[in-house]
Amino acid sequence: MERRTSDRHARRDRRTRQGSLPANAFRQEALTHSRARMGFLDEGDVAFLKARVLELLGDYGVAVIHPQARAALLAAGAKPGSGPDRLRLPAGLVAEAMEATPKAARLAGKRRALDLDLPRGDRGFVMRTGTGAHGYVSPRDTRYRNMDLAAVDEIAAVASTLDEVGFIAHPFVHGVPEKTADIHSFGRLIARTDKHIWMQPYQWQNVEYLMKIAAIAAGGEAELRANPITSAITCSFTPLEFKFMDTQVIIEAGKYGVPLHACSLPSSGGTAPLSVPSMAIMAAAEIVGMTVMAHVLSPGTPVIATPLMFTLDMRTGSALQSCVESLQAASVSVQLMKQGFGMLAHTYGSGSDTPDVDHQSMAERALLCQAVALAGADILGGVGQLECATVFSPVQAVLDNEVGAMVRRFIRKPDLSDGALNWDEMMRIRTGGHFLDSDHTIRTCRDQLSPGIFLRQGRDGYEKSGRRTAFDAARDAALAAIATAPEAGVLDDHQLREIAALAAHADEHIVAAYAGAVELI
């Protein structure tokens, strides 16, 4: 497991030079530019909402099901709450945890060129693919099917070529035992890309298997701790409850040195009040509660605040991620977590409630991306996801990459210096003059953002092309990425055998144990 061969490094280097992974991926903008910020909350609003979060945690508390975690929290200063599982978290304990929790995180790739250091030096954001999708839209014919391992290969191939996508989330897959679907999907994805992988366990027995797979892919447990090529999601069970499995994720993350995404998924009108500020308070309380647990159970573990905001459509009961209320709640929650609690923030920055790559999808995800980027989010999730995060489309992922590049440039505050303004020449421009041959124009013209997929053509060229659209260009890019992906993946044969053996062991023991328990019932 500790083995990392020089041959594998050489193969990766060759792939980078050949273009299967962009050598300039995640390049940071010049530090001379600051980031524009815009949100709904002023300083007083942030302070008010933070006080309500502390009041909710201190006077009412959270339900903690995990016995080891309950005991550790009580020993650390938590107080019994109104019910047998409820614990109140005093403001002093919260302040201690927030102070001790790292304010930065490194999401490592299998190559150092793909490492993600957060917060970014250029004050920007990084994007990630959508997770949790059960469905897949083929880029070949736009047909829908259940997500499977072949689709995971294609997601890895496409996402590995997208400059704005810093890391990749493993989806739910069919065609394997349901109880170990996360193990099969994670093992397949981590073998197909050099980019950082987001781990999402489905039950507590699976967590250690997933961590061991990550260690194999990293080259050993020590190498995983030094260069965490995976980070893990731990979720609250809204309202204000933490399941055994997600608490176990916190414990195992500490053992393996894996950063945590503390995720709250309130549904306004369902598991949270039908109110944007209330939804933000609920999400923040759950995230702070998980941060306190990480401080007590796995001290020193980086924690990234991850509010994923949904609103119930009161007409149908469907959850919506891109309605106006969800967009506003995402922006408010990012401001609260960053300005109020000083945490890294991660939320949906892409996604749509429509099932297709259509006009509605592009409008909704453009609004969402801009709103949360301006609020200051460090990670924008949801690249490629449709139908409220239940479907993945590689074509949509390529289009989202283009939107991300535009928004990254949009939030970059313009330089107002005299040199940037070309002030001296502006002050002496002749009547009827122009700036086409200006030294300033020649020097700065290459700084313009040039689209890779979106079209800038006139009517004649459009008609001559057969009315090809950005969708057609995105589909071509996705298919090219799939066609040129390395067949052997990025791991050596020994690592692949070890991962396959772990997955087989999980199928034998976890699935069999579950079947036995059902029989007893």
Protein backbone atom coordinates (compact mmCIF):
# COMPACT_ATOMS: atom_id res chain seq x y z
CA MET A 1 0.00 0.00 0.00
CA GLU A 2 2.93 2.36 0.67
CA ARG A 3 4.21 1.92 -2.86
CA ARG A 4 4.21 4.82 -5.35
CA THR A 5 6.28 4.00 -8.35
CA SER A 6 8.30 6.42 -10.45
CA ASP A 7 6.80 4.79 -13.53
CA ARG A 8 3.36 6.02 -12.50
CA HIS A 9 4.66 9.57 -12.10
CA ALA A 10 6.22 9.34 -15.56
CA ARG A 11 2.92 8.18 -17.06
CA ARG A 12 1.12 11.12 -15.48
CA ASP A 13 3.69 13.59 -16.74
CA ARG A 14 3.34 12.21 -20.26
CA ARG A 15 -0.45 12.51 -20.08
CA THR A 16 -0.18 16.13 -18.97
CA ARG A 17 2.18 16.97 -21.86
CA GLN A 18 -0.16 15.19 -24.29
CA GLY A 19 -3.08 17.29 -23.10
CA SER A 20 -5.39 14.80 -21.35
CA LEU A 21 -5.04 17.01 -18.28
CA PRO A 22 -4.48 20.74 -18.72
CA ALA A 23 -1.05 21.74 -17.45
CA ASN A 24 -2.39 25.18 -16.52
CA ALA A 25 -5.42 23.91 -14.63
CA PHE A 26 -6.48 26.04 -11.65
CA ARG A 27 -4.04 28.79 -12.50
CA GLN A 28 -4.66 31.73 -10.22
CA GLU A 29 -5.33 35.27 -11.36
CA ALA A 30 -2.77 37.96 -10.60
CA LEU A 31 -2.76 38.95 -6.95
CA THR A 32 -3.02 42.62 -7.93
CA HIS A 33 -6.75 42.09 -8.42
CA SER A 34 -9.09 41.95 -5.45
CA ARG A 35 -12.43 40.17 -5.41
CA ALA A 36 -15.69 42.07 -5.68
CA ARG A 37 -18.15 41.22 -2.91
CA MET A 38 -21.89 41.74 -2.92
CA GLY A 39 -24.52 40.23 -0.67
CA PHE A 40 -27.77 40.84 1.18
CA LEU A 41 -26.23 41.21 4.65
CA ASP A 42 -24.40 44.15 6.19
CA GLU A 43 -22.17 43.77 9.26
CA GLY A 44 -25.08 44.29 11.62
CA ASP A 45 -27.14 41.62 9.86
CA VAL A 46 -24.29 39.12 10.07
CA ALA A 47 -23.84 39.82 13.79
CA PHE A 48 -27.59 39.42 14.41
CA LEU A 49 -27.81 36.08 12.61
CA LYS A 50 -24.64 34.82 14.30
CA ALA A 51 -26.12 35.66 17.71
CA ARG A 52 -29.26 33.70 16.84
CA VAL A 53 -27.14 30.71 15.80
CA LEU A 54 -25.29 30.76 19.13
CA GLU A 55 -28.57 31.13 20.99
CA LEU A 56 -30.08 28.16 19.16
CA LEU A 57 -27.04 25.98 19.93
CA GLY A 58 -26.65 27.13 23.51
CA ASP A 59 -30.27 27.14 24.66
CA TYR A 60 -31.80 24.35 22.57
CA GLY A 61 -28.90 22.38 21.12
CA VAL A 62 -28.49 19.47 18.75
CA ALA A 63 -29.30 15.76 18.87
CA VAL A 64 -26.19 13.53 18.81
CA ILE A 65 -26.91 9.82 18.32
CA HIS A 66 -23.32 8.54 18.39
CA PRO A 67 -22.54 7.37 22.00
CA GLN A 68 -18.79 8.03 21.76
CA ALA A 69 -19.40 11.51 20.42
CA ARG A 70 -21.97 12.30 23.13
CA ALA A 71 -19.57 11.28 25.87
CA ALA A 72 -16.70 13.26 24.35
CA LEU A 73 -18.83 16.38 23.91
CA LEU A 74 -20.10 16.23 27.50
CA ALA A 75 -16.52 15.88 28.72
CA ALA A 76 -15.56 18.91 26.61
CA GLY A 77 -18.22 21.14 28.15
CA ALA A 78 -21.49 20.42 26.33
CA LYS A 79 -24.60 20.40 28.53
CA PRO A 80 -27.51 17.95 28.55
CA GLY A 81 -30.51 19.20 26.60
CA SER A 82 -34.24 18.70 26.81
CA GLY A 83 -34.20 15.16 25.38
CA PRO A 84 -32.06 12.05 25.94
CA ASP A 85 -29.91 12.64 22.85
CA ARG A 86 -29.91 16.44 22.84
CA LEU A 87 -26.85 18.40 23.86
CA ARG A 88 -26.54 22.15 24.33
CA LEU A 89 -23.33 23.72 23.07
CA PRO A 90 -22.30 26.71 25.22
CA ALA A 91 -20.93 29.78 23.46
CA GLY A 92 -17.52 29.23 25.09
CA LEU A 93 -17.20 25.72 23.64
CA VAL A 94 -18.28 27.01 20.22
CA ALA A 95 -15.75 29.85 20.37
CA GLU A 96 -12.98 27.43 21.37
CA ALA A 97 -13.81 25.12 18.46
CA MET A 98 -14.04 27.92 15.91
CA GLU A 99 -10.73 29.38 17.06
CA ALA A 100 -8.92 26.02 16.92
CA THR A 101 -10.34 24.84 13.58
CA PRO A 102 -7.93 25.53 10.69
CA LYS A 103 -8.92 28.49 8.52
CA ALA A 104 -7.32 26.94 5.44
CA ALA A 105 -7.47 23.56 3.73
CA ARG A 106 -5.48 21.75 1.10
CA LEU A 107 -7.39 19.46 -1.24
CA ALA A 108 -4.54 17.55 -2.86
CA GLY A 109 -4.43 16.00 -6.28
CA LYS A 110 -2.33 12.98 -7.14
CA ARG A 111 0.09 15.48 -8.67
CA ARG A 112 1.13 18.63 -6.85
CA ALA A 113 0.18 20.77 -9.87
CA LEU A 114 -3.45 19.81 -9.16
CA ASP A 115 -3.41 20.68 -5.43
CA LEU A 116 -6.07 23.15 -4.30
CA ASP A 117 -5.08 25.52 -1.50
CA LEU A 118 -8.07 27.24 0.09
CA PRO A 119 -8.63 30.09 0.44
CA ARG A 120 -7.09 30.73 -2.97
CA GLY A 121 -4.26 33.21 -3.20
CA ASP A 122 -6.13 35.11 -5.90
CA ARG A 123 -9.23 35.34 -3.66
CA GLY A 124 -11.24 33.38 -6.20
CA PHE A 125 -13.14 30.12 -6.11
CA VAL A 126 -12.79 26.55 -7.31
CA MET A 127 -15.59 24.46 -8.84
CA ARG A 128 -16.54 20.82 -8.40
CA THR A 129 -18.82 18.39 -10.19
CA GLY A 130 -22.28 17.47 -8.94
CA THR A 131 -22.75 14.56 -6.54
CA GLY A 132 -25.64 12.32 -5.59
CA ALA A 133 -26.95 11.95 -9.14
CA HIS A 134 -28.79 8.70 -9.83
CA GLY A 135 -29.29 9.48 -13.52
CA TYR A 136 -27.00 10.18 -16.45
CA VAL A 137 -27.60 11.92 -19.78
CA SER A 138 -25.32 10.49 -22.46
CA PRO A 139 -23.38 13.10 -24.47
CA ARG A 140 -23.72 10.89 -27.56
CA ASP A 141 -27.48 10.94 -28.02
CA THR A 142 -28.83 12.85 -24.94
CA ARG A 143 -30.60 9.70 -23.78
CA TYR A 144 -31.22 9.28 -20.06
CA ARG A 145 -30.19 6.15 -18.16
CA ASN A 146 -29.42 5.11 -14.61
CA MET A 147 -25.95 6.13 -13.47
CA ASP A 148 -23.48 3.24 -13.83
CA LEU A 149 -19.73 2.65 -13.64
CA ALA A 150 -19.29 3.37 -17.35
CA ALA A 151 -20.82 6.79 -16.73
CA VAL A 152 -18.35 7.34 -13.87
CA ASP A 153 -15.51 6.74 -16.35
CA GLU A 154 -16.97 9.38 -18.67
CA ILE A 155 -17.49 11.89 -15.85
CA ALA A 156 -13.84 11.46 -14.86
CA ALA A 157 -12.69 11.86 -18.46
CA VAL A 158 -14.63 15.07 -19.05
CA ALA A 159 -14.05 16.68 -15.64
CA SER A 160 -10.31 16.00 -15.88
CA THR A 161 -10.13 18.34 -18.90
CA LEU A 162 -12.12 21.24 -17.42
CA ASP A 163 -9.90 24.03 -16.11
CA GLU A 164 -12.47 25.45 -13.71
CA VAL A 165 -13.27 22.07 -12.11
CA GLY A 166 -10.83 21.56 -9.26
CA PHE A 167 -12.26 18.33 -7.88
CA ILE A 168 -14.75 15.61 -8.72
CA ALA A 169 -17.55 14.10 -6.64
CA HIS A 170 -18.45 10.45 -6.96
CA PRO A 171 -22.10 9.80 -7.90
CA PHE A 172 -24.46 7.01 -6.90
CA VAL A 173 -24.21 4.03 -9.25
CA HIS A 174 -26.60 1.26 -10.23
CA GLY A 175 -25.55 -2.21 -11.39
CA VAL A 176 -23.65 -2.97 -8.16
CA PRO A 177 -24.91 -3.94 -4.68
CA GLU A 178 -26.85 -0.94 -3.37
CA LYS A 179 -25.34 -1.09 0.11
CA THR A 180 -21.81 -0.75 -1.27
CA ALA A 181 -22.54 1.47 -4.27
CA ASP A 182 -20.44 4.27 -2.79
CA ILE A 183 -17.42 1.96 -2.49
CA HIS A 184 -17.67 0.83 -6.12
CA SER A 185 -18.21 4.36 -7.44
CA PHE A 186 -15.46 5.92 -5.35
CA GLY A 187 -13.00 3.18 -6.25
CA ARG A 188 -13.76 3.56 -9.95
CA LEU A 189 -13.49 7.36 -9.95
CA ILE A 190 -10.28 7.62 -7.93
CA ALA A 191 -8.61 5.26 -10.41
CA ARG A 192 -9.60 7.39 -13.42
CA THR A 193 -8.44 10.90 -12.55
CA ASP A 194 -5.52 12.71 -10.95
CA LYS A 195 -7.81 15.40 -9.57
CA HIS A 196 -8.97 15.56 -5.96
CA ILE A 197 -12.02 13.39 -5.18
CA TRP A 198 -14.94 14.25 -2.90
CA MET A 199 -16.00 11.24 -0.84
CA GLN A 200 -19.65 10.74 0.11
CA PRO A 201 -20.25 7.65 2.31
CA TYR A 202 -23.70 6.07 2.31
CA GLN A 203 -23.57 4.14 5.59
CA TRP A 204 -21.22 3.97 8.56
CA GLN A 205 -19.80 0.51 7.78
CA ASN A 206 -18.53 1.83 4.44
CA VAL A 207 -16.51 4.76 5.76
CA GLU A 208 -13.38 2.80 6.62
CA TYR A 209 -13.43 0.99 3.27
CA LEU A 210 -13.56 4.34 1.48
CA MET A 211 -10.69 5.73 3.53
CA LYS A 212 -8.60 2.64 2.79
CA ILE A 213 -9.27 2.99 -0.94
CA ALA A 214 -8.11 6.61 -0.74
CA ALA A 215 -4.95 5.47 1.07
CA ILE A 216 -4.22 2.90 -1.64
CA ALA A 217 -4.65 5.51 -4.37
CA ALA A 218 -2.46 8.01 -2.48
CA GLY A 219 0.35 5.50 -2.06
CA GLY A 220 -0.25 4.65 1.59
CA GLU A 221 -1.78 6.04 4.76
CA ALA A 222 1.20 8.26 5.52
CA GLU A 223 1.07 9.72 2.01
CA LEU A 224 -2.68 10.33 2.35
CA ARG A 225 -2.13 12.29 5.55
CA ALA A 226 0.63 14.31 3.90
CA ASN A 227 -1.33 14.86 0.68
CA PRO A 228 -5.07 14.31 1.22
CA ILE A 229 -6.27 13.35 -2.26
CA THR A 230 -9.81 13.03 -0.93
CA SER A 231 -12.07 15.05 1.32
CA ALA A 232 -15.25 13.76 2.93
CA ILE A 233 -18.76 15.07 3.34
CA THR A 234 -20.41 14.80 6.74
CA CYS A 235 -24.08 15.78 6.81
CA SER A 236 -26.52 16.90 9.43
CA PHE A 237 -30.00 15.41 9.56
CA THR A 238 -32.06 18.57 9.49
CA PRO A 239 -33.43 19.85 11.80
CA LEU A 240 -30.49 19.85 14.23
CA GLU A 241 -29.64 16.15 14.41
CA PHE A 242 -26.46 14.21 13.61
CA LYS A 243 -26.71 10.60 12.52
CA PHE A 244 -24.32 7.88 13.68
CA MET A 245 -22.84 7.48 10.19
CA ASP A 246 -21.96 11.12 9.68
CA THR A 247 -20.40 11.36 13.13
CA GLN A 248 -18.33 8.29 12.24
CA VAL A 249 -17.13 10.15 9.13
CA ILE A 250 -15.77 12.90 11.38
CA ILE A 251 -13.89 10.35 13.49
CA GLU A 252 -12.41 8.51 10.50
CA ALA A 253 -11.46 11.75 8.75
CA GLY A 254 -9.36 12.65 11.77
CA LYS A 255 -7.62 9.26 11.69
CA TYR A 256 -6.64 9.65 8.04
CA GLY A 257 -6.04 13.41 7.92
CA VAL A 258 -8.87 14.01 5.46
CA PRO A 259 -10.56 17.47 5.30
CA LEU A 260 -14.27 17.63 6.04
CA HIS A 261 -17.13 19.35 4.23
CA ALA A 262 -19.67 19.97 7.01
CA CYS A 263 -22.89 19.89 5.03
CA SER A 264 -26.35 21.10 5.98
CA LEU A 265 -29.25 20.57 3.55
CA PRO A 266 -32.29 22.37 4.95
CA SER A 267 -35.51 22.48 2.93
CA SER A 268 -37.36 25.72 3.53
CA GLY A 269 -40.96 24.94 4.35
CA GLY A 270 -40.03 21.34 5.25
CA THR A 271 -37.08 20.75 7.57
CA ALA A 272 -36.57 24.51 8.08
CA PRO A 273 -39.00 27.43 8.39
CA LEU A 274 -40.29 28.93 5.16
CA SER A 275 -37.96 31.90 5.53
CA VAL A 276 -34.61 32.69 3.92
CA PRO A 277 -32.95 33.99 7.14
CA SER A 278 -34.32 31.06 9.17
CA MET A 279 -32.90 28.62 6.63
CA ALA A 280 -29.50 30.30 6.95
CA ILE A 281 -29.67 30.12 10.76
CA MET A 282 -30.58 26.43 10.63
CA ALA A 283 -27.75 25.62 8.22
CA ALA A 284 -25.21 27.62 10.22
CA ALA A 285 -26.22 26.01 13.52
CA GLU A 286 -25.80 22.52 12.07
CA ILE A 287 -22.46 23.38 10.44
CA VAL A 288 -21.11 24.96 13.62
CA GLY A 289 -22.33 21.91 15.55
CA MET A 290 -20.36 19.61 13.23
CA THR A 291 -17.33 21.88 13.58
CA VAL A 292 -17.52 21.55 17.35
CA MET A 293 -17.73 17.76 17.00
CA ALA A 294 -14.70 17.75 14.69
CA HIS A 295 -12.76 19.87 17.19
CA VAL A 296 -13.57 17.43 20.01
CA LEU A 297 -13.35 14.13 18.10
CA SER A 298 -10.71 14.93 15.43
CA PRO A 299 -8.84 18.06 16.55
CA GLY A 300 -6.95 19.94 13.86
CA THR A 301 -9.11 18.62 11.00
CA PRO A 302 -9.91 21.31 8.39
CA VAL A 303 -13.66 21.91 8.14
CA ILE A 304 -15.33 23.58 5.16
CA ALA A 305 -18.80 25.02 5.78
CA THR A 306 -21.15 23.54 3.18
CA PRO A 307 -24.70 24.91 3.25
CA LEU A 308 -26.69 23.39 0.37
CA MET A 309 -29.99 25.21 0.33
CA PHE A 310 -33.34 23.89 -0.90
CA THR A 311 -36.86 25.28 -0.94
CA LEU A 312 -40.02 23.21 -1.14
CA ASP A 313 -42.38 24.11 -3.95
CA MET A 314 -45.57 24.51 -1.93
CA ARG A 315 -47.67 23.49 -4.93
CA THR A 316 -45.98 20.14 -5.51
CA GLY A 317 -43.74 19.37 -2.52
CA SER A 318 -40.72 19.13 -4.82
CA ALA A 319 -37.36 20.39 -3.59
CA LEU A 320 -35.86 23.28 -5.59
CA GLN A 321 -32.23 24.37 -5.61
CA SER A 322 -32.37 27.18 -8.16
CA CYS A 323 -35.55 29.06 -7.28
CA VAL A 324 -35.19 32.67 -6.12
CA GLU A 325 -35.53 31.71 -2.45
CA SER A 326 -32.79 29.07 -2.66
CA LEU A 327 -30.46 31.45 -4.51
CA GLN A 328 -30.97 34.12 -1.87
CA ALA A 329 -30.51 31.61 0.97
CA ALA A 330 -27.26 30.34 -0.57
CA SER A 331 -25.88 33.87 -0.76
CA VAL A 332 -26.95 34.70 2.82
CA SER A 333 -25.55 31.47 4.24
CA VAL A 334 -22.18 31.98 2.53
CA GLN A 335 -21.94 35.48 3.99
CA LEU A 336 -22.88 34.21 7.44
CA MET A 337 -20.35 31.36 7.45
CA LYS A 338 -17.48 33.44 6.06
CA GLN A 339 -18.04 36.80 7.73
CA GLY A 340 -19.73 35.59 10.89
CA PHE A 341 -17.72 32.46 11.65
CA GLY A 342 -14.57 32.89 9.54
CA MET A 343 -14.98 29.55 7.78
CA LEU A 344 -14.26 28.42 4.25
CA ALA A 345 -17.59 28.23 2.41
CA HIS A 346 -18.84 25.71 -0.16
CA THR A 347 -22.26 25.69 -1.74
CA TYR A 348 -24.00 25.01 -5.03
CA GLY A 349 -22.65 27.38 -7.66
CA SER A 350 -24.25 25.53 -10.53
CA GLY A 351 -27.35 23.47 -11.07
CA SER A 352 -30.92 23.74 -12.20
CA ASP A 353 -34.37 22.44 -11.37
CA THR A 354 -35.06 21.51 -15.00
CA PRO A 355 -34.29 17.98 -16.28
CA ASP A 356 -32.57 19.09 -19.50
CA VAL A 357 -29.67 21.17 -20.80
CA ASP A 358 -31.97 23.92 -21.97
CA HIS A 359 -32.49 27.68 -21.80
CA GLN A 360 -33.96 27.50 -18.29
CA SER A 361 -30.98 25.50 -17.08
CA MET A 362 -28.47 28.05 -18.36
CA ALA A 363 -30.41 30.99 -16.90
CA GLU A 364 -30.80 29.40 -13.46
CA ARG A 365 -27.20 28.25 -13.11
CA ALA A 366 -25.80 31.58 -14.35
CA LEU A 367 -27.81 33.42 -11.67
CA LEU A 368 -26.75 30.94 -8.99
CA CYS A 369 -23.09 31.01 -9.93
CA GLN A 370 -22.93 34.80 -9.89
CA ALA A 371 -24.88 35.15 -6.63
CA VAL A 372 -22.73 32.83 -4.53
CA ALA A 373 -19.45 33.91 -6.13
CA LEU A 374 -20.18 37.53 -5.23
CA ALA A 375 -21.10 36.41 -1.68
CA GLY A 376 -17.56 35.04 -1.36
CA ALA A 377 -17.92 31.26 -1.69
CA ASP A 378 -14.61 29.36 -1.90
CA ILE A 379 -16.10 26.30 -3.63
CA LEU A 380 -18.92 26.30 -6.16
CA GLY A 381 -20.48 22.86 -6.45
CA GLY A 382 -22.93 21.28 -8.85
CA VAL A 383 -21.08 21.37 -12.18
CA GLY A 384 -23.02 19.18 -14.63
CA GLN A 385 -26.02 18.54 -12.40
CA LEU A 386 -29.66 18.83 -13.50
CA GLU A 387 -33.10 18.17 -12.04
CA CYS A 388 -32.24 19.42 -8.55
CA ALA A 389 -28.95 17.49 -8.29
CA THR A 390 -30.38 14.10 -9.30
CA VAL A 391 -29.01 13.91 -12.88
CA PHE A 392 -25.54 14.45 -14.39
CA SER A 393 -24.83 15.66 -17.93
CA PRO A 394 -21.26 15.89 -19.28
CA VAL A 395 -22.41 18.42 -21.88
CA GLN A 396 -23.82 20.61 -19.12
CA ALA A 397 -20.53 20.23 -17.25
CA VAL A 398 -18.62 21.67 -20.21
CA LEU A 399 -21.04 24.60 -20.40
CA ASP A 400 -20.76 25.16 -16.64
CA ASN A 401 -16.99 25.32 -16.98
CA GLU A 402 -17.48 28.19 -19.43
CA VAL A 403 -19.87 30.01 -17.07
CA GLY A 404 -17.38 29.52 -14.22
CA ALA A 405 -14.59 31.13 -16.22
CA MET A 406 -16.81 34.11 -16.98
CA VAL A 407 -17.92 34.56 -13.38
CA ARG A 408 -14.35 34.20 -12.10
CA ARG A 409 -13.36 37.11 -14.32
CA PHE A 410 -16.56 39.05 -13.53
CA ILE A 411 -15.89 39.15 -9.77
CA ARG A 412 -12.31 40.35 -10.28
CA LYS A 413 -12.32 43.98 -9.23
CA PRO A 414 -10.89 46.18 -12.02
CA ASP A 415 -7.58 47.95 -11.51
CA LEU A 416 -8.16 51.70 -11.10
CA SER A 417 -4.55 52.86 -11.34
CA ASP A 418 -3.59 55.50 -13.91
CA GLY A 419 -1.61 52.92 -15.84
CA ALA A 420 -4.59 50.57 -16.06
CA LEU A 421 -6.85 53.46 -17.11
CA ASN A 422 -4.37 54.52 -19.80
CA TRP A 423 -5.02 57.93 -18.33
CA ASP A 424 -2.18 59.89 -19.91
CA GLU A 425 -3.15 58.87 -23.42
CA MET A 426 -6.83 59.43 -22.70
CA MET A 427 -6.00 62.99 -21.70
CA ARG A 428 -4.38 63.77 -25.05
CA ILE A 429 -6.41 61.72 -27.56
CA ARG A 430 -6.97 63.70 -30.76
CA THR A 431 -10.40 64.46 -32.17
CA GLY A 432 -11.61 61.45 -34.16
CA GLY A 433 -8.76 59.38 -32.73
CA HIS A 434 -8.79 55.77 -31.54
CA PHE A 435 -6.91 53.42 -29.25
CA LEU A 436 -6.47 50.46 -31.61
CA ASP A 437 -2.73 51.05 -32.00
CA SER A 438 -2.17 52.21 -28.43
CA ASP A 439 0.70 50.52 -26.59
CA HIS A 440 -1.75 50.01 -23.72
CA THR A 441 -4.23 48.20 -26.00
CA ILE A 442 -1.52 45.99 -27.47
CA ARG A 443 -0.12 45.25 -24.03
CA THR A 444 -3.45 44.35 -22.38
CA CYS A 445 -5.55 42.87 -25.20
CA ARG A 446 -4.57 39.29 -24.35
CA ASP A 447 -6.03 39.76 -20.89
CA GLN A 448 -9.53 39.63 -22.36
CA LEU A 449 -11.37 36.43 -21.56
CA SER A 450 -11.77 34.39 -24.74
CA PRO A 451 -14.53 31.76 -24.68
CA GLY A 452 -13.72 28.19 -25.50
CA ILE A 453 -17.31 27.03 -26.04
CA PHE A 454 -19.62 30.02 -26.15
CA LEU A 455 -20.01 31.49 -29.63
CA ARG A 456 -19.09 34.95 -30.88
CA GLN A 457 -19.99 34.86 -34.55
CA GLY A 458 -22.11 36.77 -36.98
CA ARG A 459 -25.16 35.57 -38.85
CA ASP A 460 -23.25 34.49 -41.96
CA GLY A 461 -20.88 32.25 -40.05
CA TYR A 462 -23.74 30.86 -37.96
CA GLU A 463 -25.78 29.90 -41.02
CA LYS A 464 -22.73 28.46 -42.77
CA SER A 465 -22.04 26.22 -39.77
CA GLY A 466 -25.50 24.68 -40.00
CA ARG A 467 -26.62 26.75 -37.01
CA ARG A 468 -24.31 25.02 -34.60
CA THR A 469 -24.77 26.26 -31.03
CA ALA A 470 -22.72 26.28 -27.85
CA PHE A 471 -24.50 23.03 -26.95
CA ASP A 472 -23.03 21.38 -30.06
CA ALA A 473 -19.55 22.68 -29.22
CA ALA A 474 -19.89 21.45 -25.63
CA ARG A 475 -21.01 18.01 -26.79
CA ASP A 476 -18.02 17.78 -29.14
CA ALA A 477 -15.68 18.74 -26.29
CA ALA A 478 -17.21 16.15 -23.96
CA LEU A 479 -16.98 13.38 -26.56
CA ALA A 480 -13.38 14.33 -27.39
CA ALA A 481 -12.44 14.15 -23.72
CA ILE A 482 -14.04 10.71 -23.41
CA ALA A 483 -12.38 9.43 -26.60
CA THR A 484 -8.89 10.56 -25.56
CA ALA A 485 -9.03 9.53 -21.89
CA PRO A 486 -6.23 7.10 -20.96
CA GLU A 487 -7.60 3.56 -21.00
CA ALA A 488 -5.39 2.39 -18.14
CA GLY A 489 -6.49 5.13 -15.73
CA VAL A 490 -4.01 6.72 -13.34
CA LEU A 491 -3.23 3.90 -10.88
CA ASP A 492 -0.92 0.94 -11.31
CA ASP A 493 -2.07 -2.69 -11.49
CA HIS A 494 -1.16 -3.40 -7.88
CA GLN A 495 -3.33 -0.52 -6.63
CA LEU A 496 -6.21 -1.56 -8.86
CA ARG A 497 -6.07 -5.10 -7.50
CA GLU A 498 -6.06 -3.84 -3.91
CA ILE A 499 -9.07 -1.60 -4.53
CA ALA A 500 -10.95 -4.44 -6.26
CA ALA A 501 -10.21 -6.74 -3.33
CA LEU A 502 -11.54 -4.16 -0.86
CA ALA A 503 -14.75 -3.73 -2.88
CA ALA A 504 -15.23 -7.52 -3.05
CA HIS A 505 -14.65 -7.79 0.70
CA ALA A 506 -17.23 -5.05 1.30
CA ASP A 507 -19.77 -6.84 -0.90
CA GLU A 508 -19.20 -10.06 0.98
CA HIS A 509 -19.40 -8.67 4.49
CA ILE A 510 -21.58 -5.55 4.39
CA VAL A 511 -24.17 -6.84 1.92
CA ALA A 512 -24.25 -10.28 3.55
CA ALA A 513 -24.61 -8.78 7.03
CA TYR A 514 -27.51 -6.62 5.85
CA ALA A 515 -29.21 -9.59 4.19
CA GLY A 516 -28.84 -11.59 7.41
CA ALA A 517 -30.34 -8.80 9.47
CA VAL A 518 -33.33 -8.58 7.12
CA GLU A 519 -33.84 -12.34 7.42
CA LEU A 520 -33.89 -12.10 11.21
CA ILE A 521 -36.55 -9.42 10.99
